[in-house]
Protein backbone atom coordinates (compact mmCIF):
# COMPACT_ATOMS: atom_id res chain seq x y z
CA MET A 1 33.14 -26.29 69.00
CA MET A 2 35.13 -26.79 65.85
CA GLU A 3 38.19 -25.24 67.53
CA LEU A 4 38.47 -28.38 69.65
CA TYR A 5 39.83 -30.38 66.77
CA LYS A 6 42.04 -28.05 64.80
CA SER A 7 44.56 -29.84 62.63
CA ASP A 8 47.60 -27.93 63.91
CA ALA A 9 47.86 -29.82 67.22
CA VAL A 10 51.24 -31.35 67.95
CA SER A 11 51.45 -34.98 66.81
CA VAL A 12 53.00 -37.75 68.88
CA ASN A 13 54.72 -40.73 67.30
CA VAL A 14 53.13 -43.61 69.23
CA GLY A 15 55.71 -46.16 68.13
CA ALA A 16 58.66 -44.03 69.20
CA ARG A 17 56.93 -43.10 72.46
CA LEU A 18 56.18 -46.75 73.22
CA ARG A 19 59.83 -47.67 72.62
CA GLU A 20 60.94 -44.82 74.90
CA LEU A 21 58.59 -45.81 77.74
CA ARG A 22 59.54 -49.48 77.41
CA THR A 23 63.29 -48.72 77.40
CA GLU A 24 62.99 -46.42 80.44
CA ARG A 25 61.55 -49.38 82.36
CA ASN A 26 64.20 -51.83 81.12
CA LEU A 27 61.54 -53.99 79.49
CA SER A 28 62.28 -56.09 76.45
CA ILE A 29 59.58 -56.45 73.81
CA ARG A 30 58.94 -60.00 75.01
CA ALA A 31 58.68 -58.89 78.65
CA LEU A 32 56.17 -56.19 77.77
CA ALA A 33 54.28 -58.69 75.62
CA ARG A 34 53.86 -60.94 78.66
CA LYS A 35 52.76 -58.05 80.89
CA SER A 36 50.29 -56.58 78.39
CA GLY A 37 48.95 -59.83 76.94
CA LEU A 38 49.85 -58.72 73.41
CA SER A 39 52.12 -60.58 71.05
CA ALA A 40 55.76 -59.57 70.65
CA ASN A 41 55.15 -59.30 66.91
CA ALA A 42 52.28 -56.84 67.46
CA LEU A 43 54.49 -54.69 69.72
CA SER A 44 57.31 -54.73 67.18
CA MET A 45 54.91 -53.64 64.44
CA ILE A 46 53.67 -50.72 66.57
CA GLU A 47 57.18 -49.58 67.47
CA ARG A 48 58.22 -49.67 63.80
CA ASP A 49 55.10 -47.68 62.80
CA LYS A 50 53.87 -50.57 60.66
CA THR A 51 50.47 -50.49 62.39
CA SER A 52 48.49 -48.14 64.62
CA PRO A 53 47.20 -49.54 67.93
CA SER A 54 43.54 -49.45 68.89
CA VAL A 55 42.49 -47.56 72.01
CA SER A 56 42.07 -50.79 73.97
CA THR A 57 45.61 -51.80 72.93
CA LEU A 58 46.96 -48.46 74.20
CA TYR A 59 45.29 -49.15 77.53
CA LYS A 60 46.80 -52.65 77.71
CA LEU A 61 50.26 -51.25 76.96
CA ALA A 62 49.87 -48.53 79.59
CA ASP A 63 48.64 -51.07 82.14
CA GLY A 64 51.50 -53.45 81.29
CA MET A 65 54.09 -50.71 81.90
CA GLY A 66 52.32 -49.31 84.96
CA VAL A 67 51.85 -45.84 83.47
CA PRO A 68 48.75 -43.73 82.75
CA ILE A 69 47.55 -43.81 79.17
CA THR A 70 48.29 -40.08 78.97
CA SER A 71 51.99 -41.07 78.99
CA PHE A 72 51.58 -41.61 75.26
CA PHE A 73 50.84 -37.89 74.89
CA GLY A 74 54.49 -37.11 75.59
CA GLU A 75 56.92 -36.71 78.46
CA GLN A 76 55.37 -36.31 81.90
CA THR A 77 55.70 -32.87 83.46
CA ASP A 78 55.04 -31.47 86.92
CA ARG A 79 51.31 -31.37 87.60
CA GLU A 80 49.73 -27.97 88.12
CA SER A 81 46.57 -26.72 89.82
CA VAL A 82 45.86 -24.50 86.79
CA VAL A 83 46.45 -25.80 83.27
CA PHE A 84 46.03 -23.58 80.21
CA VAL A 85 46.44 -25.27 76.83
CA LYS A 86 46.49 -23.24 73.62
CA ALA A 87 44.81 -24.81 70.61
CA ASP A 88 48.07 -25.20 68.68
CA GLU A 89 49.91 -26.72 71.66
CA ARG A 90 47.65 -29.73 72.27
CA THR A 91 49.03 -33.15 71.48
CA HIS A 92 47.25 -35.97 69.71
CA VAL A 93 47.85 -39.70 69.55
CA PRO A 94 46.80 -41.63 66.45
CA PHE A 95 45.16 -45.04 66.78
CA GLN A 96 43.28 -47.29 64.38
CA ARG A 97 40.98 -45.10 62.29
CA GLY A 98 41.10 -42.15 64.65
CA THR A 99 42.95 -39.67 66.83
CA TRP A 100 42.96 -39.17 70.59
CA GLU A 101 43.67 -35.54 71.48
CA GLY A 102 44.68 -34.49 75.00
CA LEU A 103 43.29 -31.34 76.61
CA GLY A 104 45.77 -30.96 79.47
CA GLY A 105 44.67 -33.69 81.86
CA GLN A 106 48.16 -35.19 81.84
CA ASN A 107 49.43 -32.00 83.53
CA PHE A 108 46.58 -31.45 86.01
CA VAL A 109 46.82 -32.27 89.73
CA GLY A 110 43.13 -33.15 90.05
CA ARG A 111 41.38 -36.38 89.20
CA MET A 112 40.00 -35.21 85.87
CA GLU A 113 41.15 -36.00 82.36
CA PRO A 114 39.40 -34.50 79.31
CA PHE A 115 40.16 -35.43 75.71
CA VAL A 116 38.65 -35.29 72.24
CA LEU A 117 38.29 -38.26 69.91
CA THR A 118 38.12 -37.89 66.16
CA LEU A 119 36.80 -41.15 64.70
CA GLU A 120 36.58 -42.33 61.14
CA SER A 121 33.63 -44.50 60.15
CA GLY A 122 34.09 -47.94 61.71
CA ALA A 123 36.56 -46.78 64.38
CA ASN A 124 36.07 -48.43 67.75
CA SER A 125 37.65 -48.84 71.19
CA GLY A 126 38.53 -52.49 70.55
CA VAL A 127 36.85 -55.87 70.78
CA HIS A 128 36.91 -55.96 74.59
CA THR A 129 34.93 -53.81 76.98
CA MET A 130 36.70 -51.40 79.34
CA VAL A 131 36.36 -51.09 83.13
CA HIS A 132 38.04 -48.52 85.40
CA THR A 133 37.37 -46.46 88.50
CA GLY A 134 35.60 -43.12 88.57
CA HIS A 135 33.04 -41.68 86.21
CA GLU A 136 32.88 -41.15 82.46
CA PHE A 137 31.13 -38.39 80.53
CA VAL A 138 30.91 -38.05 76.75
CA ILE A 139 29.17 -35.58 74.47
CA CYS A 140 28.97 -36.16 70.73
CA LEU A 141 30.03 -33.02 68.85
CA ARG A 142 29.60 -34.26 65.29
CA GLY A 143 28.45 -37.44 63.57
CA GLU A 144 27.26 -40.46 65.55
CA LEU A 145 28.73 -42.50 68.40
CA GLU A 146 27.39 -45.84 69.59
CA TYR A 147 28.16 -46.56 73.25
CA GLN A 148 27.68 -49.90 74.97
CA VAL A 149 27.37 -49.79 78.79
CA GLU A 150 26.92 -53.29 80.20
CA ASP A 151 24.19 -54.79 77.99
CA LYS A 152 22.56 -51.53 76.89
CA TYR A 153 23.37 -49.55 73.73
CA TYR A 154 23.13 -45.77 73.38
CA ASN A 155 23.24 -44.03 70.01
CA LEU A 156 24.61 -40.52 70.47
CA LYS A 157 24.16 -37.89 67.77
CA ALA A 158 25.49 -34.32 67.74
CA GLY A 159 24.53 -32.67 71.03
CA ASP A 160 23.66 -35.92 72.85
CA SER A 161 25.57 -36.80 76.02
CA LEU A 162 26.07 -39.83 78.26
CA MET A 163 27.34 -40.16 81.83
CA PHE A 164 27.94 -43.34 83.80
CA SER A 165 30.00 -45.11 86.44
CA ALA A 166 33.17 -46.30 84.72
CA ARG A 167 33.07 -49.51 86.78
CA LEU A 168 30.40 -50.65 84.35
CA ARG A 169 31.70 -52.53 81.32
CA HIS A 170 31.75 -50.17 78.33
CA ARG A 171 33.02 -49.63 74.83
CA TRP A 172 32.23 -47.39 71.86
CA ARG A 173 32.32 -47.26 68.07
CA ASN A 174 31.49 -44.95 65.19
CA ALA A 175 28.73 -46.91 63.52
CA GLY A 176 27.85 -44.07 61.14
CA GLY A 177 29.14 -43.29 57.69
CA THR A 178 30.86 -39.98 58.52
CA VAL A 179 33.61 -38.71 60.81
CA THR A 180 32.63 -38.39 64.48
CA ASN A 181 34.03 -35.95 67.02
CA ALA A 182 33.33 -36.46 70.72
CA LEU A 183 34.48 -34.78 73.92
CA PHE A 184 35.24 -37.15 76.83
CA LEU A 185 35.83 -36.48 80.51
CA LEU A 186 37.13 -39.06 82.98
CA SER A 187 36.83 -37.98 86.61
CA GLY A 188 36.84 -39.24 90.19
CA PHE A 189 39.20 -42.13 89.45
CA ALA A 190 41.34 -43.64 92.19
CA GLU A 191 44.36 -41.64 93.28
CA GLY A 192 47.44 -42.78 91.41
CA GLU A 193 45.43 -44.38 88.61
CA ARG A 194 45.13 -41.27 86.38
CA PRO A 195 43.59 -43.59 85.07
CA THR A 196 45.31 -46.94 84.57
CA PRO A 197 42.28 -49.21 84.36
CA MET A 198 42.14 -52.94 84.01
CA HIS A 199 40.27 -52.84 80.73
CA MET A 200 39.71 -56.54 80.49
CA ALA A 201 39.72 -59.55 82.77
CA LYS A 202 43.14 -61.22 82.82
CA HIS A 203 41.68 -64.56 81.81
CA VAL A 204 40.20 -63.21 78.57
CA LYS A 205 42.32 -63.90 75.50
CA VAL A 206 43.70 -60.68 74.04
CA LYS A 207 43.46 -60.27 70.31
CA THR A 208 46.04 -58.32 68.38
CA ASP A 209 45.16 -55.34 66.21
CA THR A 210 45.35 -57.61 63.18
CA GLU A 211 42.76 -59.94 64.71
CA GLU A 212 40.49 -57.02 65.56
């Protein structure tokens, strides 16, 4: 299991990647701010590597640009029916107090995206719950992971797993005092989503990373 989170994975500069994706779509910082619901100042801080976005912020940025969140893992390539990823060729995306590590889903033709999260104590998916199509599976590999699905809370310890319809409101956090590692699998999402969920209702006020 420990091989899943080796430290020699290829790192992605989220700020530079965000600037690249935004420029490709001819979006100014202010235009993307309007589309994502984030402040222009928050976007500028991310692009200049002055702050790391939370997972929920990454989803809002992806949704605002109309791209899958896996776009932050690097340039999109042709999708294959068989994807083999060597341990030292995986990519990882840093966010607030953690790392999101891709396991090849961004290159796979099927509706399945696996990834590993490494979470410091206190790391969380953001202040807002997430909602998207398909199904979600998570197994805690090390430490503890608290998952909220609708109004119920599940405390996962090493070896515990959880599976649910991703149309249910959900979010997670490392409520323990040690680093947590968890393997996630998103599957069965709508074709073309891959997934690009609406992770919050449009009428809910979005808080910036600083406010979180």
